[in-house]
All heavy atoms as atom14 arrays in JSON, in Angstrom:
{
  "sequence": "EYMVTLVDLYEKHKLPIILYDQVGCGHSTHFQEKAGD",
  "atom14_mask": [
    [1, 1, 1, 1, 1, 1, 1, 1, 1, 0, 0, 0, 0, 0],
    [1, 1, 1, 1, 1, 1, 1, 1, 1, 1, 1, 1, 0, 0],
    [1, 1, 1, 1, 1, 1, 1, 1, 0, 0, 0, 0, 0, 0],
    [1, 1, 1, 1, 1, 1, 1, 0, 0, 0, 0, 0, 0, 0],
    [1, 1, 1, 1, 1, 1, 1, 0, 0, 0, 0, 0, 0, 0],
    [1, 1, 1, 1, 1, 1, 1, 1, 0, 0, 0, 0, 0, 0],
    [1, 1, 1, 1, 1, 1, 1, 0, 0, 0, 0, 0, 0, 0],
    [1, 1, 1, 1, 1, 1, 1, 1, 0, 0, 0, 0, 0, 0],
    [1, 1, 1, 1, 1, 1, 1, 1, 0, 0, 0, 0, 0, 0],
    [1, 1, 1, 1, 1, 1, 1, 1, 1, 1, 1, 1, 0, 0],
    [1, 1, 1, 1, 1, 1, 1, 1, 1, 0, 0, 0, 0, 0],
    [1, 1, 1, 1, 1, 1, 1, 1, 1, 0, 0, 0, 0, 0],
    [1, 1, 1, 1, 1, 1, 1, 1, 1, 1, 0, 0, 0, 0],
    [1, 1, 1, 1, 1, 1, 1, 1, 1, 0, 0, 0, 0, 0],
    [1, 1, 1, 1, 1, 1, 1, 1, 0, 0, 0, 0, 0, 0],
    [1, 1, 1, 1, 1, 1, 1, 0, 0, 0, 0, 0, 0, 0],
    [1, 1, 1, 1, 1, 1, 1, 1, 0, 0, 0, 0, 0, 0],
    [1, 1, 1, 1, 1, 1, 1, 1, 0, 0, 0, 0, 0, 0],
    [1, 1, 1, 1, 1, 1, 1, 1, 0, 0, 0, 0, 0, 0],
    [1, 1, 1, 1, 1, 1, 1, 1, 1, 1, 1, 1, 0, 0],
    [1, 1, 1, 1, 1, 1, 1, 1, 0, 0, 0, 0, 0, 0],
    [1, 1, 1, 1, 1, 1, 1, 1, 1, 0, 0, 0, 0, 0],
    [1, 1, 1, 1, 1, 1, 1, 0, 0, 0, 0, 0, 0, 0],
    [1, 1, 1, 1, 0, 0, 0, 0, 0, 0, 0, 0, 0, 0],
    [1, 1, 1, 1, 1, 1, 0, 0, 0, 0, 0, 0, 0, 0],
    [1, 1, 1, 1, 0, 0, 0, 0, 0, 0, 0, 0, 0, 0],
    [1, 1, 1, 1, 1, 1, 1, 1, 1, 1, 0, 0, 0, 0],
    [1, 1, 1, 1, 1, 1, 0, 0, 0, 0, 0, 0, 0, 0],
    [1, 1, 1, 1, 1, 1, 1, 0, 0, 0, 0, 0, 0, 0],
    [1, 1, 1, 1, 1, 1, 1, 1, 1, 1, 0, 0, 0, 0],
    [1, 1, 1, 1, 1, 1, 1, 1, 1, 1, 1, 0, 0, 0],
    [1, 1, 1, 1, 1, 1, 1, 1, 1, 0, 0, 0, 0, 0],
    [1, 1, 1, 1, 1, 1, 1, 1, 1, 0, 0, 0, 0, 0],
    [1, 1, 1, 1, 1, 1, 1, 1, 1, 0, 0, 0, 0, 0],
    [1, 1, 1, 1, 1, 0, 0, 0, 0, 0, 0, 0, 0, 0],
    [1, 1, 1, 1, 0, 0, 0, 0, 0, 0, 0, 0, 0, 0],
    [1, 1, 1, 1, 1, 1, 1, 1, 0, 0, 0, 0, 0, 0]
  ],
  "atom14_positions": [
    [[-7.09, 14.06, -15.63], [-6.91, 15.31, -14.75], [-7.49, 15.04, -13.37], [-6.85, 15.41, -12.31], [-7.59, 16.49, -15.33], [-6.85, 17.12, -16.44], [-7.27, 16.56, -17.84], [-8.04, 15.51, -17.83], [-6.85, 17.05, -18.93], [0.0, 0.0, 0.0], [0.0, 0.0, 0.0], [0.0, 0.0, 0.0], [0.0, 0.0, 0.0], [0.0, 0.0, 0.0]],
    [[-8.58, 14.37, -13.23], [-9.25, 14.23, -11.94], [-8.57, 13.15, -11.01], [-8.88, 13.06, -9.9], [-10.76, 13.94, -12.12], [-11.07, 12.39, -12.32], [-11.48, 11.6, -11.32], [-10.99, 11.97, -13.58], [-11.83, 10.33, -11.47], [-11.26, 10.56, -13.75], [-11.68, 9.76, -12.71], [-11.93, 8.45, -12.89], [0.0, 0.0, 0.0], [0.0, 0.0, 0.0]],
    [[-7.57, 12.53, -11.63], [-6.71, 11.61, -10.84], [-5.47, 12.28, -10.27], [-4.64, 11.58, -9.69], [-6.36, 10.38, -11.78], [-7.47, 9.61, -12.33], [-8.48, 8.77, -11.12], [-7.44, 7.43, -10.71], [0.0, 0.0, 0.0], [0.0, 0.0, 0.0], [0.0, 0.0, 0.0], [0.0, 0.0, 0.0], [0.0, 0.0, 0.0], [0.0, 0.0, 0.0]],
    [[-5.36, 13.57, -10.37], [-4.14, 14.26, -10.02], [-3.87, 14.14, -8.61], [-2.7, 14.33, -8.1], [-4.18, 15.68, -10.49], [-5.22, 16.5, -9.64], [-2.85, 16.36, -10.51], [0.0, 0.0, 0.0], [0.0, 0.0, 0.0], [0.0, 0.0, 0.0], [0.0, 0.0, 0.0], [0.0, 0.0, 0.0], [0.0, 0.0, 0.0], [0.0, 0.0, 0.0]],
    [[-4.83, 13.88, -7.7], [-4.64, 13.73, -6.27], [-3.56, 12.64, -5.95], [-2.98, 12.74, -4.87], [-5.95, 13.38, -5.57], [-6.46, 12.19, -6.21], [-6.95, 14.53, -5.57], [0.0, 0.0, 0.0], [0.0, 0.0, 0.0], [0.0, 0.0, 0.0], [0.0, 0.0, 0.0], [0.0, 0.0, 0.0], [0.0, 0.0, 0.0], [0.0, 0.0, 0.0]],
    [[-3.41, 11.73, -6.88], [-2.39, 10.68, -6.6], [-0.98, 11.15, -6.57], [-0.08, 10.52, -6.07], [-2.53, 9.56, -7.61], [-3.97, 8.79, -7.62], [-4.03, 7.8, -8.75], [-4.17, 8.09, -6.29], [0.0, 0.0, 0.0], [0.0, 0.0, 0.0], [0.0, 0.0, 0.0], [0.0, 0.0, 0.0], [0.0, 0.0, 0.0], [0.0, 0.0, 0.0]],
    [[-0.82, 12.32, -7.14], [0.56, 12.93, -7.11], [1.0, 13.1, -5.64], [2.23, 13.23, -5.32], [0.61, 14.25, -8.0], [1.99, 14.91, -7.84], [0.37, 13.86, -9.42], [0.0, 0.0, 0.0], [0.0, 0.0, 0.0], [0.0, 0.0, 0.0], [0.0, 0.0, 0.0], [0.0, 0.0, 0.0], [0.0, 0.0, 0.0], [0.0, 0.0, 0.0]],
    [[0.08, 13.24, -4.75], [0.38, 13.32, -3.33], [1.27, 12.19, -2.84], [2.17, 12.24, -1.98], [-0.83, 13.39, -2.49], [-1.7, 14.62, -2.66], [-1.27, 15.5, -3.44], [-2.81, 14.65, -2.05], [0.0, 0.0, 0.0], [0.0, 0.0, 0.0], [0.0, 0.0, 0.0], [0.0, 0.0, 0.0], [0.0, 0.0, 0.0], [0.0, 0.0, 0.0]],
    [[1.13, 11.03, -3.51], [1.86, 9.84, -3.16], [3.33, 9.96, -3.51], [4.24, 9.49, -2.91], [1.33, 8.58, -3.84], [-0.05, 8.12, -3.3], [-0.65, 7.06, -4.29], [0.07, 7.56, -1.9], [0.0, 0.0, 0.0], [0.0, 0.0, 0.0], [0.0, 0.0, 0.0], [0.0, 0.0, 0.0], [0.0, 0.0, 0.0], [0.0, 0.0, 0.0]],
    [[3.58, 10.73, -4.65], [4.96, 11.06, -4.97], [5.59, 12.02, -3.98], [6.7, 11.85, -3.52], [5.11, 11.64, -6.42], [6.58, 12.03, -6.67], [7.48, 11.05, -6.99], [6.98, 13.38, -6.54], [8.8, 11.42, -7.22], [8.19, 13.77, -6.75], [9.13, 12.78, -7.02], [10.49, 13.18, -7.2], [0.0, 0.0, 0.0], [0.0, 0.0, 0.0]],
    [[4.81, 13.02, -3.68], [5.33, 14.11, -2.77], [5.64, 13.62, -1.42], [6.55, 14.05, -0.71], [4.4, 15.29, -2.75], [4.24, 16.0, -4.13], [3.25, 17.13, -4.23], [2.32, 17.2, -3.32], [3.35, 17.89, -5.17], [0.0, 0.0, 0.0], [0.0, 0.0, 0.0], [0.0, 0.0, 0.0], [0.0, 0.0, 0.0], [0.0, 0.0, 0.0]],
    [[4.81, 12.63, -0.93], [4.98, 12.11, 0.4], [5.95, 10.91, 0.49], [6.78, 10.78, 1.4], [3.69, 11.64, 1.02], [3.77, 11.29, 2.52], [2.43, 11.2, 3.2], [2.7, 10.86, 4.63], [1.36, 10.78, 5.33], [0.0, 0.0, 0.0], [0.0, 0.0, 0.0], [0.0, 0.0, 0.0], [0.0, 0.0, 0.0], [0.0, 0.0, 0.0]],
    [[5.86, 10.01, -0.54], [6.6, 8.69, -0.4], [7.69, 8.58, -1.56], [8.28, 7.52, -1.64], [5.65, 7.61, -0.49], [4.58, 7.58, 0.54], [4.91, 7.42, 1.96], [3.26, 7.76, 0.54], [3.82, 7.45, 2.71], [2.83, 7.69, 1.85], [0.0, 0.0, 0.0], [0.0, 0.0, 0.0], [0.0, 0.0, 0.0], [0.0, 0.0, 0.0]],
    [[7.63, 9.57, -2.51], [8.51, 9.46, -3.7], [8.14, 8.3, -4.58], [8.92, 7.66, -5.24], [10.0, 9.37, -3.33], [10.53, 10.62, -2.68], [10.49, 11.77, -3.83], [11.03, 13.1, -3.31], [10.0, 13.9, -2.56], [0.0, 0.0, 0.0], [0.0, 0.0, 0.0], [0.0, 0.0, 0.0], [0.0, 0.0, 0.0], [0.0, 0.0, 0.0]],
    [[6.83, 7.89, -4.47], [6.25, 6.88, -5.39], [6.06, 7.5, -6.82], [5.24, 8.43, -6.88], [4.93, 6.35, -4.85], [4.87, 5.19, -3.89], [3.55, 5.04, -3.32], [5.33, 3.85, -4.57], [0.0, 0.0, 0.0], [0.0, 0.0, 0.0], [0.0, 0.0, 0.0], [0.0, 0.0, 0.0], [0.0, 0.0, 0.0], [0.0, 0.0, 0.0]],
    [[6.69, 7.05, -7.87], [6.42, 7.56, -9.18], [5.01, 7.34, -9.57], [4.42, 6.23, -9.29], [7.45, 6.8, -10.03], [8.45, 6.12, -9.14], [7.7, 5.92, -7.87], [0.0, 0.0, 0.0], [0.0, 0.0, 0.0], [0.0, 0.0, 0.0], [0.0, 0.0, 0.0], [0.0, 0.0, 0.0], [0.0, 0.0, 0.0], [0.0, 0.0, 0.0]],
    [[4.4, 8.26, -10.25], [3.06, 8.15, -10.74], [2.96, 8.35, -12.21], [3.63, 9.31, -12.75], [2.15, 9.27, -9.99], [2.2, 9.22, -8.49], [0.7, 9.21, -10.49], [1.7, 8.02, -7.86], [0.0, 0.0, 0.0], [0.0, 0.0, 0.0], [0.0, 0.0, 0.0], [0.0, 0.0, 0.0], [0.0, 0.0, 0.0], [0.0, 0.0, 0.0]],
    [[2.19, 7.56, -12.87], [1.9, 7.68, -14.27], [0.47, 7.93, -14.5], [-0.38, 7.11, -14.17], [2.37, 6.43, -15.02], [3.97, 6.16, -14.88], [2.02, 6.51, -16.59], [4.38, 4.78, -15.39], [0.0, 0.0, 0.0], [0.0, 0.0, 0.0], [0.0, 0.0, 0.0], [0.0, 0.0, 0.0], [0.0, 0.0, 0.0], [0.0, 0.0, 0.0]],
    [[0.13, 8.99, -15.16], [-1.21, 9.39, -15.6], [-1.23, 9.25, -17.1], [-0.27, 9.6, -17.73], [-1.56, 10.81, -15.15], [-1.44, 11.14, -13.66], [-1.45, 12.58, -13.42], [-2.49, 10.44, -12.84], [0.0, 0.0, 0.0], [0.0, 0.0, 0.0], [0.0, 0.0, 0.0], [0.0, 0.0, 0.0], [0.0, 0.0, 0.0], [0.0, 0.0, 0.0]],
    [[-2.34, 8.83, -17.63], [-2.5, 8.83, -19.12], [-4.01, 8.99, -19.46], [-4.85, 8.68, -18.71], [-1.85, 7.57, -19.71], [-2.65, 6.24, -19.59], [-3.42, 5.74, -20.59], [-2.6, 5.52, -18.37], [-4.06, 4.58, -20.57], [-3.29, 4.3, -18.28], [-4.05, 3.87, -19.4], [-4.74, 2.67, -19.25], [0.0, 0.0, 0.0], [0.0, 0.0, 0.0]],
    [[-4.1, 9.46, -20.72], [-5.51, 9.58, -21.24], [-5.75, 8.38, -22.17], [-5.02, 8.13, -23.13], [-5.62, 10.83, -22.16], [-5.72, 12.11, -21.38], [-6.19, 12.04, -20.16], [-5.41, 13.22, -21.9], [0.0, 0.0, 0.0], [0.0, 0.0, 0.0], [0.0, 0.0, 0.0], [0.0, 0.0, 0.0], [0.0, 0.0, 0.0], [0.0, 0.0, 0.0]],
    [[-6.75, 7.67, -21.8], [-7.12, 6.46, -22.66], [-7.56, 6.93, -24.0], [-8.04, 8.07, -24.12], [-8.22, 5.6, -21.93], [-7.8, 5.0, -20.64], [-8.95, 4.7, -19.74], [-10.1, 4.55, -20.19], [-8.67, 4.51, -18.44], [0.0, 0.0, 0.0], [0.0, 0.0, 0.0], [0.0, 0.0, 0.0], [0.0, 0.0, 0.0], [0.0, 0.0, 0.0]],
    [[-7.4, 6.14, -25.02], [-7.84, 6.44, -26.33], [-9.32, 6.91, -26.3], [-10.12, 6.33, -25.53], [-7.67, 5.38, -27.38], [-6.24, 5.23, -27.79], [-8.3, 4.04, -26.89], [0.0, 0.0, 0.0], [0.0, 0.0, 0.0], [0.0, 0.0, 0.0], [0.0, 0.0, 0.0], [0.0, 0.0, 0.0], [0.0, 0.0, 0.0], [0.0, 0.0, 0.0]],
    [[-9.68, 7.87, -27.06], [-10.97, 8.32, -27.1], [-11.29, 9.62, -26.31], [-12.33, 10.14, -26.21], [0.0, 0.0, 0.0], [0.0, 0.0, 0.0], [0.0, 0.0, 0.0], [0.0, 0.0, 0.0], [0.0, 0.0, 0.0], [0.0, 0.0, 0.0], [0.0, 0.0, 0.0], [0.0, 0.0, 0.0], [0.0, 0.0, 0.0], [0.0, 0.0, 0.0]],
    [[-10.16, 10.08, -25.55], [-10.44, 11.29, -24.75], [-9.09, 12.11, -24.59], [-7.98, 11.61, -24.9], [-11.05, 10.91, -23.39], [-9.91, 10.19, -22.19], [0.0, 0.0, 0.0], [0.0, 0.0, 0.0], [0.0, 0.0, 0.0], [0.0, 0.0, 0.0], [0.0, 0.0, 0.0], [0.0, 0.0, 0.0], [0.0, 0.0, 0.0], [0.0, 0.0, 0.0]],
    [[-9.25, 13.31, -24.13], [-8.15, 14.1, -23.68], [-7.12, 14.33, -24.83], [-7.52, 14.65, -25.99], [0.0, 0.0, 0.0], [0.0, 0.0, 0.0], [0.0, 0.0, 0.0], [0.0, 0.0, 0.0], [0.0, 0.0, 0.0], [0.0, 0.0, 0.0], [0.0, 0.0, 0.0], [0.0, 0.0, 0.0], [0.0, 0.0, 0.0], [0.0, 0.0, 0.0]],
    [[-5.83, 14.15, -24.5], [-4.78, 14.39, -25.48], [-4.51, 13.24, -26.33], [-3.71, 13.27, -27.21], [-3.47, 14.68, -24.68], [-3.59, 15.95, -23.83], [-3.85, 17.17, -24.21], [-3.44, 15.99, -22.43], [-3.87, 17.98, -23.14], [-3.67, 17.32, -22.09], [0.0, 0.0, 0.0], [0.0, 0.0, 0.0], [0.0, 0.0, 0.0], [0.0, 0.0, 0.0]],
    [[-5.17, 12.08, -26.06], [-4.97, 10.91, -26.93], [-5.88, 10.9, -28.07], [-6.75, 11.78, -28.24], [-5.18, 9.63, -26.09], [-4.18, 9.48, -25.05], [0.0, 0.0, 0.0], [0.0, 0.0, 0.0], [0.0, 0.0, 0.0], [0.0, 0.0, 0.0], [0.0, 0.0, 0.0], [0.0, 0.0, 0.0], [0.0, 0.0, 0.0], [0.0, 0.0, 0.0]],
    [[-5.73, 9.94, -29.0], [-6.41, 9.96, -30.28], [-7.95, 9.69, -29.97], [-8.3, 8.85, -29.2], [-5.95, 8.82, -31.2], [-4.53, 8.96, -31.38], [-6.58, 8.81, -32.58], [0.0, 0.0, 0.0], [0.0, 0.0, 0.0], [0.0, 0.0, 0.0], [0.0, 0.0, 0.0], [0.0, 0.0, 0.0], [0.0, 0.0, 0.0], [0.0, 0.0, 0.0]],
    [[-8.76, 10.5, -30.69], [-10.24, 10.35, -30.56], [-10.76, 9.54, -31.74], [-10.2, 9.51, -32.83], [-10.88, 11.72, -30.54], [-10.65, 12.49, -29.33], [-11.67, 12.93, -28.41], [-9.46, 12.87, -28.68], [-11.04, 13.54, -27.39], [-9.81, 13.53, -27.53], [0.0, 0.0, 0.0], [0.0, 0.0, 0.0], [0.0, 0.0, 0.0], [0.0, 0.0, 0.0]],
    [[-11.8, 8.86, -31.44], [-12.52, 8.04, -32.47], [-13.97, 8.27, -32.53], [-14.8, 7.33, -32.37], [-12.25, 6.5, -32.13], [-10.8, 6.09, -32.43], [-9.89, 6.12, -31.4], [-10.41, 5.72, -33.68], [-8.54, 5.68, -31.62], [-9.05, 5.29, -33.95], [-8.24, 5.35, -32.94], [0.0, 0.0, 0.0], [0.0, 0.0, 0.0], [0.0, 0.0, 0.0]],
    [[-14.4, 9.52, -32.84], [-15.74, 9.83, -32.85], [-16.49, 9.08, -34.02], [-17.76, 8.84, -33.93], [-16.01, 11.32, -32.94], [-15.74, 12.02, -31.66], [-15.52, 13.59, -31.89], [-14.65, 13.97, -32.64], [-16.32, 14.33, -31.1], [0.0, 0.0, 0.0], [0.0, 0.0, 0.0], [0.0, 0.0, 0.0], [0.0, 0.0, 0.0], [0.0, 0.0, 0.0]],
    [[-15.76, 8.67, -34.95], [-16.3, 7.91, -36.09], [-16.67, 6.5, -35.68], [-17.35, 5.77, -36.42], [-15.33, 7.82, -37.25], [-14.04, 7.0, -37.04], [-12.92, 7.8, -36.41], [-13.24, 8.88, -35.77], [-11.78, 7.27, -36.47], [0.0, 0.0, 0.0], [0.0, 0.0, 0.0], [0.0, 0.0, 0.0], [0.0, 0.0, 0.0], [0.0, 0.0, 0.0]],
    [[-16.3, 6.06, -34.47], [-16.6, 4.73, -33.94], [-17.74, 4.81, -32.98], [-17.94, 3.88, -32.18], [-15.36, 4.19, -33.26], [-14.18, 3.96, -34.12], [-14.36, 2.79, -35.1], [-13.09, 2.41, -35.82], [-13.33, 1.3, -36.82], [0.0, 0.0, 0.0], [0.0, 0.0, 0.0], [0.0, 0.0, 0.0], [0.0, 0.0, 0.0], [0.0, 0.0, 0.0]],
    [[-18.52, 5.83, -33.0], [-19.71, 5.93, -32.09], [-20.69, 4.72, -32.35], [-21.01, 4.42, -33.48], [-20.49, 7.25, -32.39], [0.0, 0.0, 0.0], [0.0, 0.0, 0.0], [0.0, 0.0, 0.0], [0.0, 0.0, 0.0], [0.0, 0.0, 0.0], [0.0, 0.0, 0.0], [0.0, 0.0, 0.0], [0.0, 0.0, 0.0], [0.0, 0.0, 0.0]],
    [[-20.96, 4.06, -31.2], [-21.93, 2.93, -31.34], [-21.25, 1.61, -31.79], [-21.9, 0.61, -31.85], [0.0, 0.0, 0.0], [0.0, 0.0, 0.0], [0.0, 0.0, 0.0], [0.0, 0.0, 0.0], [0.0, 0.0, 0.0], [0.0, 0.0, 0.0], [0.0, 0.0, 0.0], [0.0, 0.0, 0.0], [0.0, 0.0, 0.0], [0.0, 0.0, 0.0]],
    [[-19.93, 1.6, -32.1], [-19.22, 0.47, -32.59], [-18.75, -0.32, -31.45], [-17.61, -0.15, -30.92], [-18.16, 0.93, -33.52], [-17.44, -0.22, -34.24], [-17.72, -1.49, -33.9], [-16.65, -0.08, -35.1], [0.0, 0.0, 0.0], [0.0, 0.0, 0.0], [0.0, 0.0, 0.0], [0.0, 0.0, 0.0], [0.0, 0.0, 0.0], [0.0, 0.0, 0.0]]
  ]
}
């Protein structure tokens, strides 16, 4: 979410932007069972 400012690059230059949640956070798979691993 905090990278959303980059969408300005699409609005100004039509540069496509891809945002994603790395594993372990957000909408992607969480692995709390891997704490300290």
